[in-house]
């Protein structure tokens, strides 16, 4: 109900305006004018507010068509993740899937669904939001280096529950008679593969007398000795373990090491949590012989960060480590 204050103010304003602009007519005329104004204000107060316009819910056929429009591109993008065989292909597939999931959410978010589909539709939106978040998180892992290979990204996504949750939500919508299928690709799961400590990842020409002793750090690592821009040998060192390489030929070597978890043999890289570094000082190996003795180099390195260490390391791009 409206209060009387606005109406009184309107009448008073009318009276003052009339008084300021009057032409000197008789009092009865002014009274008629005031009564007409009051009557008009009362009539305005009695008018009911207009009813909001409503539209009927979408038909089952229209809802079916909308589901296909939203989910078909997402299914295509998910298939691309399952088919990715390289880092580049995986990165492109996740970018496409993030886009498709976002567009599907936009299409399905602001619709007036058939009444019987309301609850199932809300569950579908919740599951779709969860999938979008996982896709974006996986793509971010490739950007920040948490997921070091395309295979790691695919396995991380395959190990998460978001895709299964979306599939369950789609089945609930389908149980109501609508056509909705999530094409769930067959994806690998995350693993934690390791090589035996001291295993040679690459064993080049070793025919000298030099000896390399390595103390492992907080993660598994692969240590690479390179000479002339090519890897002479690479050895796997488990975390907190000690390894030794013998018969190293004379020469001056640059020492690289990469650390992480879940060794990927085909890529010769760790799948997750990887770091790539290089010792700033080179490692010289020399052998000298006399009639009474042979002197050769025994070189020791530690992969743990220590205060007072005598050989600083610097990060390098993974593609710069010779293989």
C-alpha atoms as a PDB file:
ATOM      1  CA  UNK A   1       0.000   0.000   0.000  1.00  0.00           C
ATOM      2  CA  UNK A   2       1.298   3.459  -0.825  1.00  0.00           C
ATOM      3  CA  UNK A   3       1.609   5.961   2.011  1.00  0.00           C
ATOM      4  CA  UNK A   4      -0.284   9.226   2.120  1.00  0.00           C
ATOM      5  CA  UNK A   5       2.841  11.358   2.246  1.00  0.00           C
ATOM      6  CA  UNK A   6       3.645  11.337  -1.494  1.00  0.00           C
ATOM      7  CA  UNK A   7       0.018  12.173  -2.367  1.00  0.00           C
ATOM      8  CA  UNK A   8      -0.089  15.058   0.099  1.00  0.00           C
ATOM      9  CA  UNK A   9       3.114  16.437  -1.300  1.00  0.00           C
ATOM     10  CA  UNK A  10       1.694  16.217  -4.806  1.00  0.00           C
ATOM     11  CA  UNK A  11      -1.470  18.095  -3.800  1.00  0.00           C
ATOM     12  CA  UNK A  12       0.466  20.777  -1.945  1.00  0.00           C
ATOM     13  CA  UNK A  13       2.705  21.323  -4.922  1.00  0.00           C
ATOM     14  CA  UNK A  14      -0.343  21.662  -7.107  1.00  0.00           C
ATOM     15  CA  UNK A  15      -1.884  24.202  -4.778  1.00  0.00           C
ATOM     16  CA  UNK A  16       1.240  26.299  -4.616  1.00  0.00           C
ATOM     17  CA  UNK A  17       1.632  26.181  -8.367  1.00  0.00           C
ATOM     18  CA  UNK A  18      -1.975  27.212  -8.841  1.00  0.00           C
ATOM     19  CA  UNK A  19      -1.565  30.053  -6.358  1.00  0.00           C
ATOM     20  CA  UNK A  20       1.469  31.375  -8.153  1.00  0.00           C
ATOM     21  CA  UNK A  21      -0.141  31.217 -11.589  1.00  0.00           C
ATOM     22  CA  UNK A  22      -3.779  32.025 -10.772  1.00  0.00           C
ATOM     23  CA  UNK A  23      -5.773  34.390 -12.977  1.00  0.00           C
ATOM     24  CA  UNK A  24      -8.060  35.784 -10.261  1.00  0.00           C
ATOM     25  CA  UNK A  25     -11.122  33.571 -10.900  1.00  0.00           C
ATOM     26  CA  UNK A  26     -13.727  32.769  -8.233  1.00  0.00           C
ATOM     27  CA  UNK A  27     -13.015  30.403  -5.349  1.00  0.00           C
ATOM     28  CA  UNK A  28     -15.380  27.680  -6.585  1.00  0.00           C
ATOM     29  CA  UNK A  29     -13.298  27.157  -9.723  1.00  0.00           C
ATOM     30  CA  UNK A  30     -10.185  26.636  -7.686  1.00  0.00           C
ATOM     31  CA  UNK A  31     -11.961  24.118  -5.504  1.00  0.00           C
ATOM     32  CA  UNK A  32     -13.131  22.128  -8.507  1.00  0.00           C
ATOM     33  CA  UNK A  33      -9.593  22.023  -9.835  1.00  0.00           C
ATOM     34  CA  UNK A  34      -8.252  20.751  -6.492  1.00  0.00           C
ATOM     35  CA  UNK A  35     -10.944  18.074  -6.206  1.00  0.00           C
ATOM     36  CA  UNK A  36     -10.140  16.866  -9.734  1.00  0.00           C
ATOM     37  CA  UNK A  37      -6.444  16.608  -8.864  1.00  0.00           C
ATOM     38  CA  UNK A  38      -7.148  14.653  -5.681  1.00  0.00           C
ATOM     39  CA  UNK A  39      -9.526  12.334  -7.523  1.00  0.00           C
ATOM     40  CA  UNK A  40      -6.887  11.667 -10.183  1.00  0.00           C
ATOM     41  CA  UNK A  41      -4.265  10.840  -7.522  1.00  0.00           C
ATOM     42  CA  UNK A  42      -6.625   8.414  -5.791  1.00  0.00           C
ATOM     43  CA  UNK A  43      -7.379   6.690  -9.080  1.00  0.00           C
ATOM     44  CA  UNK A  44      -3.681   6.274  -9.752  1.00  0.00           C
ATOM     45  CA  UNK A  45      -3.168   4.626  -6.374  1.00  0.00           C
ATOM     46  CA  UNK A  46      -5.815   2.009  -7.088  1.00  0.00           C
ATOM     47  CA  UNK A  47      -4.265   0.753 -10.354  1.00  0.00           C
ATOM     48  CA  UNK A  48      -2.765  -2.749  -9.824  1.00  0.00           C
ATOM     49  CA  UNK A  49       0.867  -3.318 -10.868  1.00  0.00           C
ATOM     50  CA  UNK A  50       1.321  -5.014 -14.230  1.00  0.00           C
ATOM     51  CA  UNK A  51       1.766  -8.775 -14.102  1.00  0.00           C
ATOM     52  CA  UNK A  52       5.233 -10.023 -15.090  1.00  0.00           C
ATOM     53  CA  UNK A  53       5.302 -11.776 -18.429  1.00  0.00           C
ATOM     54  CA  UNK A  54       6.129 -15.478 -18.313  1.00  0.00           C
ATOM     55  CA  UNK A  55       7.142 -17.886 -21.040  1.00  0.00           C
ATOM     56  CA  UNK A  56       6.409 -21.604 -20.990  1.00  0.00           C
ATOM     57  CA  UNK A  57       9.253 -24.077 -20.373  1.00  0.00           C
ATOM     58  CA  UNK A  58      11.121 -25.358 -23.388  1.00  0.00           C
ATOM     59  CA  UNK A  59       9.658 -28.410 -25.108  1.00  0.00           C
ATOM     60  CA  UNK A  60      11.274 -31.841 -24.876  1.00  0.00           C
ATOM     61  CA  UNK A  61      12.246 -31.660 -28.537  1.00  0.00           C
ATOM     62  CA  UNK A  62      13.884 -28.257 -28.128  1.00  0.00           C
ATOM     63  CA  UNK A  63      15.725 -29.439 -25.009  1.00  0.00           C
ATOM     64  CA  UNK A  64      17.042 -32.481 -26.866  1.00  0.00           C
ATOM     65  CA  UNK A  65      18.331 -30.230 -29.636  1.00  0.00           C
ATOM     66  CA  UNK A  66      19.996 -27.905 -27.129  1.00  0.00           C
ATOM     67  CA  UNK A  67      21.759 -30.809 -25.419  1.00  0.00           C
ATOM     68  CA  UNK A  68      23.170 -31.971 -28.732  1.00  0.00           C
ATOM     69  CA  UNK A  69      24.313 -28.461 -29.633  1.00  0.00           C
ATOM     70  CA  UNK A  70      26.118 -28.108 -26.304  1.00  0.00           C
ATOM     71  CA  UNK A  71      27.625 -31.572 -25.823  1.00  0.00           C
ATOM     72  CA  UNK A  72      28.560 -32.733 -29.334  1.00  0.00           C
ATOM     73  CA  UNK A  73      31.526 -30.303 -29.638  1.00  0.00           C
ATOM     74  CA  UNK A  74      32.657 -31.309 -26.144  1.00  0.00           C
ATOM     75  CA  UNK A  75      32.612 -34.984 -27.111  1.00  0.00           C
ATOM     76  CA  UNK A  76      34.766 -34.180 -30.135  1.00  0.00           C
ATOM     77  CA  UNK A  77      37.256 -32.308 -27.942  1.00  0.00           C
ATOM     78  CA  UNK A  78      37.387 -35.134 -25.383  1.00  0.00           C
ATOM     79  CA  UNK A  79      38.122 -37.602 -28.166  1.00  0.00           C
ATOM     80  CA  UNK A  80      41.057 -35.396 -29.150  1.00  0.00           C
ATOM     81  CA  UNK A  81      42.531 -35.780 -25.661  1.00  0.00           C
ATOM     82  CA  UNK A  82      42.326 -39.553 -25.927  1.00  0.00           C
ATOM     83  CA  UNK A  83      44.002 -39.528 -29.338  1.00  0.00           C
ATOM     84  CA  UNK A  84      46.872 -37.157 -28.452  1.00  0.00           C
ATOM     85  CA  UNK A  85      50.253 -38.795 -29.068  1.00  0.00           C
ATOM     86  CA  UNK A  86      52.590 -35.838 -28.577  1.00  0.00           C
ATOM     87  CA  UNK A  87      53.047 -32.915 -26.220  1.00  0.00           C
ATOM     88  CA  UNK A  88      51.798 -30.478 -28.855  1.00  0.00           C
ATOM     89  CA  UNK A  89      48.739 -32.581 -29.682  1.00  0.00           C
ATOM     90  CA  UNK A  90      47.851 -32.900 -25.997  1.00  0.00           C
ATOM     91  CA  UNK A  91      48.204 -29.166 -25.401  1.00  0.00           C
ATOM     92  CA  UNK A  92      45.985 -28.373 -28.387  1.00  0.00           C
ATOM     93  CA  UNK A  93      43.410 -30.960 -27.298  1.00  0.00           C
ATOM     94  CA  UNK A  94      43.134 -29.531 -23.782  1.00  0.00           C
ATOM     95  CA  UNK A  95      42.776 -25.997 -25.130  1.00  0.00           C
ATOM     96  CA  UNK A  96      39.952 -27.161 -27.409  1.00  0.00           C
ATOM     97  CA  UNK A  97      38.261 -29.023 -24.548  1.00  0.00           C
ATOM     98  CA  UNK A  98      38.418 -26.008 -22.220  1.00  0.00           C
ATOM     99  CA  UNK A  99      36.734 -23.912 -24.921  1.00  0.00           C
ATOM    100  CA  UNK A 100      34.076 -26.549 -25.669  1.00  0.00           C
ATOM    101  CA  UNK A 101      33.234 -27.045 -21.989  1.00  0.00           C
ATOM    102  CA  UNK A 102      32.870 -23.293 -21.468  1.00  0.00           C
ATOM    103  CA  UNK A 103      30.603 -22.922 -24.480  1.00  0.00           C
ATOM    104  CA  UNK A 104      28.479 -25.884 -23.362  1.00  0.00           C
ATOM    105  CA  UNK A 105      28.055 -24.322 -19.933  1.00  0.00           C
ATOM    106  CA  UNK A 106      26.995 -21.018 -21.498  1.00  0.00           C
ATOM    107  CA  UNK A 107      24.387 -22.702 -23.713  1.00  0.00           C
ATOM    108  CA  UNK A 108      22.888 -24.751 -20.879  1.00  0.00           C
ATOM    109  CA  UNK A 109      23.129 -22.222 -18.066  1.00  0.00           C
ATOM    110  CA  UNK A 110      20.284 -19.788 -18.876  1.00  0.00           C
ATOM    111  CA  UNK A 111      17.485 -21.992 -20.191  1.00  0.00           C
ATOM    112  CA  UNK A 112      13.981 -22.747 -18.944  1.00  0.00           C
ATOM    113  CA  UNK A 113      14.164 -26.530 -19.048  1.00  0.00           C
ATOM    114  CA  UNK A 114      11.135 -28.842 -19.113  1.00  0.00           C
ATOM    115  CA  UNK A 115       9.810 -29.140 -15.565  1.00  0.00           C
ATOM    116  CA  UNK A 116      10.621 -32.841 -15.251  1.00  0.00           C
ATOM    117  CA  UNK A 117      14.249 -32.190 -16.188  1.00  0.00           C
ATOM    118  CA  UNK A 118      14.946 -29.389 -13.704  1.00  0.00           C
ATOM    119  CA  UNK A 119      16.841 -31.387 -11.061  1.00  0.00           C
ATOM    120  CA  UNK A 120      18.790 -33.520 -13.520  1.00  0.00           C
ATOM    121  CA  UNK A 121      19.700 -30.398 -15.490  1.00  0.00           C
ATOM    122  CA  UNK A 122      21.099 -28.691 -12.391  1.00  0.00           C
ATOM    123  CA  UNK A 123      23.204 -31.768 -11.627  1.00  0.00           C
ATOM    124  CA  UNK A 124      24.435 -31.695 -15.221  1.00  0.00           C
ATOM    125  CA  UNK A 125      25.490 -28.052 -14.850  1.00  0.00           C
ATOM    126  CA  UNK A 126      27.331 -28.820 -11.612  1.00  0.00           C
ATOM    127  CA  UNK A 127      29.179 -31.719 -13.228  1.00  0.00           C
ATOM    128  CA  UNK A 128      29.994 -29.628 -16.280  1.00  0.00           C
ATOM    129  CA  UNK A 129      31.479 -26.910 -14.070  1.00  0.00           C
ATOM    130  CA  UNK A 130      33.618 -29.537 -12.338  1.00  0.00           C
ATOM    131  CA  UNK A 131      34.866 -30.825 -15.677  1.00  0.00           C
ATOM    132  CA  UNK A 132      35.693 -27.301 -16.845  1.00  0.00           C
ATOM    133  CA  UNK A 133      37.701 -26.693 -13.692  1.00  0.00           C
ATOM    134  CA  UNK A 134      39.675 -29.916 -14.087  1.00  0.00           C
ATOM    135  CA  UNK A 135      40.410 -29.240 -17.746  1.00  0.00           C
ATOM    136  CA  UNK A 136      41.683 -25.756 -16.926  1.00  0.00           C
ATOM    137  CA  UNK A 137      43.753 -27.051 -13.999  1.00  0.00           C
ATOM    138  CA  UNK A 138      45.352 -29.673 -16.236  1.00  0.00           C
ATOM    139  CA  UNK A 139      46.136 -27.123 -18.916  1.00  0.00           C
ATOM    140  CA  UNK A 140      47.670 -24.860 -16.269  1.00  0.00           C
ATOM    141  CA  UNK A 141      49.849 -27.759 -15.118  1.00  0.00           C
ATOM    142  CA  UNK A 142      51.397 -27.896 -18.569  1.00  0.00           C
ATOM    143  CA  UNK A 143      52.071 -24.157 -18.401  1.00  0.00           C
ATOM    144  CA  UNK A 144      53.678 -24.048 -14.957  1.00  0.00           C
ATOM    145  CA  UNK A 145      55.739 -27.225 -15.399  1.00  0.00           C
ATOM    146  CA  UNK A 146      53.881 -29.386 -12.891  1.00  0.00           C
ATOM    147  CA  UNK A 147      52.940 -31.717 -15.736  1.00  0.00           C
ATOM    148  CA  UNK A 148      56.102 -32.085 -17.786  1.00  0.00           C
ATOM    149  CA  UNK A 149      54.783 -34.104 -20.728  1.00  0.00           C
ATOM    150  CA  UNK A 150      51.585 -34.338 -22.721  1.00  0.00           C
ATOM    151  CA  UNK A 151      51.175 -37.881 -21.468  1.00  0.00           C
ATOM    152  CA  UNK A 152      51.324 -36.609 -17.884  1.00  0.00           C
ATOM    153  CA  UNK A 153      48.496 -34.172 -18.634  1.00  0.00           C
ATOM    154  CA  UNK A 154      46.342 -36.877 -20.209  1.00  0.00           C
ATOM    155  CA  UNK A 155      47.007 -39.239 -17.288  1.00  0.00           C
ATOM    156  CA  UNK A 156      46.212 -36.537 -14.725  1.00  0.00           C
ATOM    157  CA  UNK A 157      42.890 -35.852 -16.432  1.00  0.00           C
ATOM    158  CA  UNK A 158      42.209 -39.571 -16.772  1.00  0.00           C
ATOM    159  CA  UNK A 159      42.828 -40.115 -13.053  1.00  0.00           C
ATOM    160  CA  UNK A 160      40.391 -37.412 -11.966  1.00  0.00           C
ATOM    161  CA  UNK A 161      36.709 -38.095 -11.205  1.00  0.00           C
ATOM    162  CA  UNK A 162      35.310 -35.079 -13.076  1.00  0.00           C
ATOM    163  CA  UNK A 163      34.712 -36.895 -16.357  1.00  0.00           C
ATOM    164  CA  UNK A 164      32.993 -39.813 -14.621  1.00  0.00           C
ATOM    165  CA  UNK A 165      30.789 -37.427 -12.656  1.00  0.00           C
ATOM    166  CA  UNK A 166      29.697 -35.725 -15.869  1.00  0.00           C
ATOM    167  CA  UNK A 167      28.956 -39.099 -17.435  1.00  0.00           C
ATOM    168  CA  UNK A 168      26.768 -40.037 -14.441  1.00  0.00           C
ATOM    169  CA  UNK A 169      24.885 -36.741 -14.692  1.00  0.00           C
ATOM    170  CA  UNK A 170      24.335 -37.302 -18.415  1.00  0.00           C
ATOM    171  CA  UNK A 171      22.943 -40.776 -17.727  1.00  0.00           C
ATOM    172  CA  UNK A 172      20.449 -39.257 -15.275  1.00  0.00           C
ATOM    173  CA  UNK A 173      19.255 -36.851 -17.967  1.00  0.00           C
ATOM    174  CA  UNK A 174      19.082 -39.711 -20.469  1.00  0.00           C
ATOM    175  CA  UNK A 175      16.977 -41.751 -18.046  1.00  0.00           C
ATOM    176  CA  UNK A 176      14.261 -39.125 -18.453  1.00  0.00           C
ATOM    177  CA  UNK A 177      14.023 -39.901 -22.160  1.00  0.00           C
ATOM    178  CA  UNK A 178      16.427 -37.306 -23.532  1.00  0.00           C
ATOM    179  CA  UNK A 179      19.323 -38.104 -25.831  1.00  0.00           C
ATOM    180  CA  UNK A 180      22.577 -37.318 -24.042  1.00  0.00           C
ATOM    181  CA  UNK A 181      25.759 -39.379 -24.134  1.00  0.00           C
ATOM    182  CA  UNK A 182      29.237 -38.391 -22.994  1.00  0.00           C
ATOM    183  CA  UNK A 183      31.853 -40.031 -25.204  1.00  0.00           C
ATOM    184  CA  UNK A 184      34.296 -40.978 -22.448  1.00  0.00           C
ATOM    185  CA  UNK A 185      37.681 -41.730 -24.070  1.00  0.00           C
ATOM    186  CA  UNK A 186      39.960 -44.447 -22.764  1.00  0.00           C
ATOM    187  CA  UNK A 187      42.667 -42.563 -20.889  1.00  0.00           C
ATOM    188  CA  UNK A 188      45.763 -43.748 -19.009  1.00  0.00           C
ATOM    189  CA  UNK A 189      46.033 -43.333 -15.251  1.00  0.00           C
ATOM    190  CA  UNK A 190      48.873 -41.697 -13.387  1.00  0.00           C
ATOM    191  CA  UNK A 191      51.776 -43.954 -12.436  1.00  0.00           C
ATOM    192  CA  UNK A 192      55.044 -43.571 -10.516  1.00  0.00           C
ATOM    193  CA  UNK A 193      57.558 -45.434 -12.636  1.00  0.00           C
ATOM    194  CA  UNK A 194      61.207 -45.551 -11.539  1.00  0.00           C
ATOM    195  CA  UNK A 195      64.335 -47.146 -12.902  1.00  0.00           C
ATOM    196  CA  UNK A 196      66.722 -49.103 -10.684  1.00  0.00           C
ATOM    197  CA  UNK A 197      69.354 -46.967  -9.015  1.00  0.00           C
ATOM    198  CA  UNK A 198      72.466 -46.725 -11.164  1.00  0.00           C
ATOM    199  CA  UNK A 199      70.733 -47.847 -14.374  1.00  0.00           C
ATOM    200  CA  UNK A 200      72.334 -46.355 -17.488  1.00  0.00           C
ATOM    201  CA  UNK A 201      69.733 -44.402 -19.449  1.00  0.00           C
ATOM    202  CA  UNK A 202      72.248 -43.778 -22.216  1.00  0.00           C
ATOM    203  CA  UNK A 203      75.579 -45.570 -22.329  1.00  0.00           C
ATOM    204  CA  UNK A 204      77.971 -44.096 -24.839  1.00  0.00           C
ATOM    205  CA  UNK A 205      81.616 -44.873 -25.416  1.00  0.00           C
ATOM    206  CA  UNK A 206      83.283 -45.396 -22.037  1.00  0.00           C
ATOM    207  CA  UNK A 207      86.775 -46.783 -22.146  1.00  0.00           C
ATOM    208  CA  UNK A 208      88.813 -44.785 -19.680  1.00  0.00           C
ATOM    209  CA  UNK A 209      89.717 -45.120 -16.020  1.00  0.00           C
ATOM    210  CA  UNK A 210      87.726 -42.204 -14.593  1.00  0.00           C
ATOM    211  CA  UNK A 211      85.143 -42.726 -11.854  1.00  0.00           C
ATOM    212  CA  UNK A 212      82.023 -40.659 -11.111  1.00  0.00           C
ATOM    213  CA  UNK A 213      80.368 -40.847  -7.686  1.00  0.00           C
ATOM    214  CA  UNK A 214      76.887 -39.345  -7.236  1.00  0.00           C
ATOM    215  CA  UNK A 215      74.817 -38.722  -4.115  1.00  0.00           C
ATOM    216  CA  UNK A 216      71.115 -38.349  -4.892  1.00  0.00           C
ATOM    217  CA  UNK A 217      68.864 -35.502  -3.811  1.00  0.00           C
ATOM    218  CA  UNK A 218      65.257 -35.275  -2.659  1.00  0.00           C
ATOM    219  CA  UNK A 219      63.880 -36.596  -5.968  1.00  0.00           C
ATOM    220  CA  UNK A 220      64.866 -39.219  -8.482  1.00  0.00           C
ATOM    221  CA  UNK A 221      67.178 -37.776 -11.117  1.00  0.00           C
ATOM    222  CA  UNK A 222      68.978 -38.528 -14.344  1.00  0.00           C
ATOM    223  CA  UNK A 223      72.529 -37.172 -14.544  1.00  0.00           C
ATOM    224  CA  UNK A 224      73.922 -36.539 -18.024  1.00  0.00           C
ATOM    225  CA  UNK A 225      77.576 -36.012 -18.884  1.00  0.00           C
ATOM    226  CA  UNK A 226      77.930 -34.182 -22.209  1.00  0.00           C
ATOM    227  CA  UNK A 227      80.930 -33.355 -24.316  1.00  0.00           C
ATOM    228  CA  UNK A 228      80.955 -31.426 -27.577  1.00  0.00           C
ATOM    229  CA  UNK A 229      77.209 -30.819 -27.324  1.00  0.00           C
ATOM    230  CA  UNK A 230      76.410 -34.557 -27.244  1.00  0.00           C
ATOM    231  CA  UNK A 231      75.536 -36.830 -24.343  1.00  0.00           C
ATOM    232  CA  UNK A 232      78.366 -39.199 -23.451  1.00  0.00           C
ATOM    233  CA  UNK A 233      76.243 -41.083 -20.929  1.00  0.00           C
ATOM    234  CA  UNK A 234      73.241 -40.653 -18.614  1.00  0.00           C
ATOM    235  CA  UNK A 235      72.626 -42.498 -15.354  1.00  0.00           C
ATOM    236  CA  UNK A 236      69.501 -42.836 -13.195  1.00  0.00           C
ATOM    237  CA  UNK A 237      69.953 -41.961  -9.508  1.00  0.00           C
ATOM    238  CA  UNK A 238      67.155 -42.585  -7.042  1.00  0.00           C
ATOM    239  CA  UNK A 239      66.435 -40.021  -4.347  1.00  0.00           C
ATOM    240  CA  UNK A 240      68.766 -40.153  -1.348  1.00  0.00           C
ATOM    241  CA  UNK A 241      70.727 -42.999  -2.967  1.00  0.00           C
ATOM    242  CA  UNK A 242      74.324 -43.260  -4.162  1.00  0.00           C
ATOM    243  CA  UNK A 243      75.415 -44.331  -7.626  1.00  0.00           C
ATOM    244  CA  UNK A 244      78.741 -44.801  -9.376  1.00  0.00           C
ATOM    245  CA  UNK A 245      79.846 -44.786 -13.011  1.00  0.00           C
ATOM    246  CA  UNK A 246      83.229 -46.239 -13.957  1.00  0.00           C
ATOM    247  CA  UNK A 247      85.432 -46.340 -17.047  1.00  0.00           C
ATOM    248  CA  UNK A 248      84.864 -42.690 -17.934  1.00  0.00           C
ATOM    249  CA  UNK A 249      87.057 -41.530 -20.789  1.00  0.00           C
ATOM    250  CA  UNK A 250      89.373 -38.566 -20.441  1.00  0.00           C
ATOM    251  CA  UNK A 251      87.929 -35.198 -21.383  1.00  0.00           C
ATOM    252  CA  UNK A 252      86.056 -32.206 -20.016  1.00  0.00           C
ATOM    253  CA  UNK A 253      82.344 -32.718 -19.465  1.00  0.00           C
ATOM    254  CA  UNK A 254      79.339 -30.491 -18.863  1.00  0.00           C
ATOM    255  CA  UNK A 255      77.059 -31.965 -16.188  1.00  0.00           C
ATOM    256  CA  UNK A 256      73.276 -31.748 -16.554  1.00  0.00           C
ATOM    257  CA  UNK A 257      70.617 -33.327 -14.404  1.00  0.00           C
ATOM    258  CA  UNK A 258      66.852 -33.512 -14.533  1.00  0.00           C
ATOM    259  CA  UNK A 259      64.752 -34.505 -11.526  1.00  0.00           C
ATOM    260  CA  UNK A 260      61.103 -35.348 -10.951  1.00  0.00           C
ATOM    261  CA  UNK A 261      58.781 -38.324 -10.646  1.00  0.00           C
ATOM    262  CA  UNK A 262      57.244 -40.953 -12.908  1.00  0.00           C
ATOM    263  CA  UNK A 263      59.956 -41.735 -15.437  1.00  0.00           C
ATOM    264  CA  UNK A 264      58.827 -41.703 -19.080  1.00  0.00           C
ATOM    265  CA  UNK A 265      61.228 -43.959 -20.941  1.00  0.00           C
ATOM    266  CA  UNK A 266      60.068 -43.080 -24.443  1.00  0.00           C
ATOM    267  CA  UNK A 267      60.463 -39.351 -23.798  1.00  0.00           C
ATOM    268  CA  UNK A 268      63.547 -39.817 -21.598  1.00  0.00           C
ATOM    269  CA  UNK A 269      61.986 -37.393 -19.156  1.00  0.00           C
ATOM    270  CA  UNK A 270      60.034 -37.321 -15.925  1.00  0.00           C
ATOM    271  CA  UNK A 271      56.302 -36.845 -16.302  1.00  0.00           C
ATOM    272  CA  UNK A 272      55.630 -34.734 -13.207  1.00  0.00           C
ATOM    273  CA  UNK A 273      57.328 -32.162 -11.014  1.00  0.00           C
ATOM    274  CA  UNK A 274      60.396 -31.925 -13.197  1.00  0.00           C
ATOM    275  CA  UNK A 275      63.353 -29.564 -12.939  1.00  0.00           C
ATOM    276  CA  UNK A 276      66.242 -29.208 -15.371  1.00  0.00           C
ATOM    277  CA  UNK A 277      69.599 -27.880 -14.219  1.00  0.00           C
ATOM    278  CA  UNK A 278      73.257 -27.639 -15.126  1.00  0.00           C
ATOM    279  CA  UNK A 279      76.388 -27.433 -13.010  1.00  0.00           C
ATOM    280  CA  UNK A 280      78.115 -24.174 -13.827  1.00  0.00           C
ATOM    281  CA  UNK A 281      81.563 -25.743 -13.457  1.00  0.00           C
ATOM    282  CA  UNK A 282      82.736 -28.435 -15.857  1.00  0.00           C
ATOM    283  CA  UNK A 283      84.161 -31.802 -14.855  1.00  0.00           C
ATOM    284  CA  UNK A 284      87.699 -32.559 -16.132  1.00  0.00           C
ATOM    285  CA  UNK A 285      88.845 -36.192 -16.307  1.00  0.00           C
ATOM    286  CA  UNK A 286      92.556 -36.882 -16.757  1.00  0.00           C
ATOM    287  CA  UNK A 287      94.677 -40.004 -16.707  1.00  0.00           C
ATOM    288  CA  UNK A 288      98.456 -39.973 -16.337  1.00  0.00           C
ATOM    289  CA  UNK A 289     100.835 -42.902 -16.351  1.00  0.00           C
ATOM    290  CA  UNK A 290     104.365 -43.415 -15.137  1.00  0.00           C
ATOM    291  CA  UNK A 291     106.511 -46.474 -14.903  1.00  0.00           C
ATOM    292  CA  UNK A 292     105.298 -47.085 -11.387  1.00  0.00           C
ATOM    293  CA  UNK A 293     101.713 -45.842 -11.199  1.00  0.00           C
ATOM    294  CA  UNK A 294      98.584 -44.673 -13.024  1.00  0.00           C
ATOM    295  CA  UNK A 295      96.691 -41.643 -11.785  1.00  0.00           C
ATOM    296  CA  UNK A 296      93.072 -41.030 -12.812  1.00  0.00           C
ATOM    297  CA  UNK A 297      90.176 -38.782 -11.823  1.00  0.00           C
ATOM    298  CA  UNK A 298      87.548 -39.690  -9.252  1.00  0.00           C
ATOM    299  CA  UNK A 299      84.843 -37.024  -9.471  1.00  0.00           C
ATOM    300  CA  UNK A 300      82.116 -36.652  -6.828  1.00  0.00           C
ATOM    301  CA  UNK A 301      78.872 -34.663  -7.123  1.00  0.00           C
ATOM    302  CA  UNK A 302      75.881 -34.233  -4.818  1.00  0.00           C
ATOM    303  CA  UNK A 303      72.399 -33.362  -6.020  1.00  0.00           C
ATOM    304  CA  UNK A 304      71.192 -31.984  -2.702  1.00  0.00           C
ATOM    305  CA  UNK A 305      71.190 -28.242  -2.233  1.00  0.00           C
ATOM    306  CA  UNK A 306      73.658 -27.484   0.563  1.00  0.00           C
ATOM    307  CA  UNK A 307      74.964 -24.323   2.168  1.00  0.00           C
ATOM    308  CA  UNK A 308      78.575 -23.884   1.212  1.00  0.00           C
ATOM    309  CA  UNK A 309      78.398 -26.128  -1.834  1.00  0.00           C
ATOM    310  CA  UNK A 310      81.361 -25.528  -4.110  1.00  0.00           C
ATOM    311  CA  UNK A 311      79.584 -25.814  -7.465  1.00  0.00           C
ATOM    312  CA  UNK A 312      76.512 -23.685  -8.173  1.00  0.00           C
ATOM    313  CA  UNK A 313      73.823 -24.875 -10.564  1.00  0.00           C
ATOM    314  CA  UNK A 314      71.535 -22.957 -12.884  1.00  0.00           C
ATOM    315  CA  UNK A 315      68.191 -23.891 -14.484  1.00  0.00           C
ATOM    316  CA  UNK A 316      68.092 -24.756 -18.169  1.00  0.00           C
ATOM    317  CA  UNK A 317      65.336 -25.354 -20.692  1.00  0.00           C
ATOM    318  CA  UNK A 318      64.545 -29.073 -21.017  1.00  0.00           C
ATOM    319  CA  UNK A 319      65.215 -29.054 -24.723  1.00  0.00           C
ATOM    320  CA  UNK A 320      68.797 -27.926 -24.178  1.00  0.00           C
ATOM    321  CA  UNK A 321      69.910 -31.065 -22.322  1.00  0.00           C
ATOM    322  CA  UNK A 322      71.689 -33.376 -24.777  1.00  0.00           C
ATOM    323  CA  UNK A 323      70.177 -36.814 -25.178  1.00  0.00           C
END
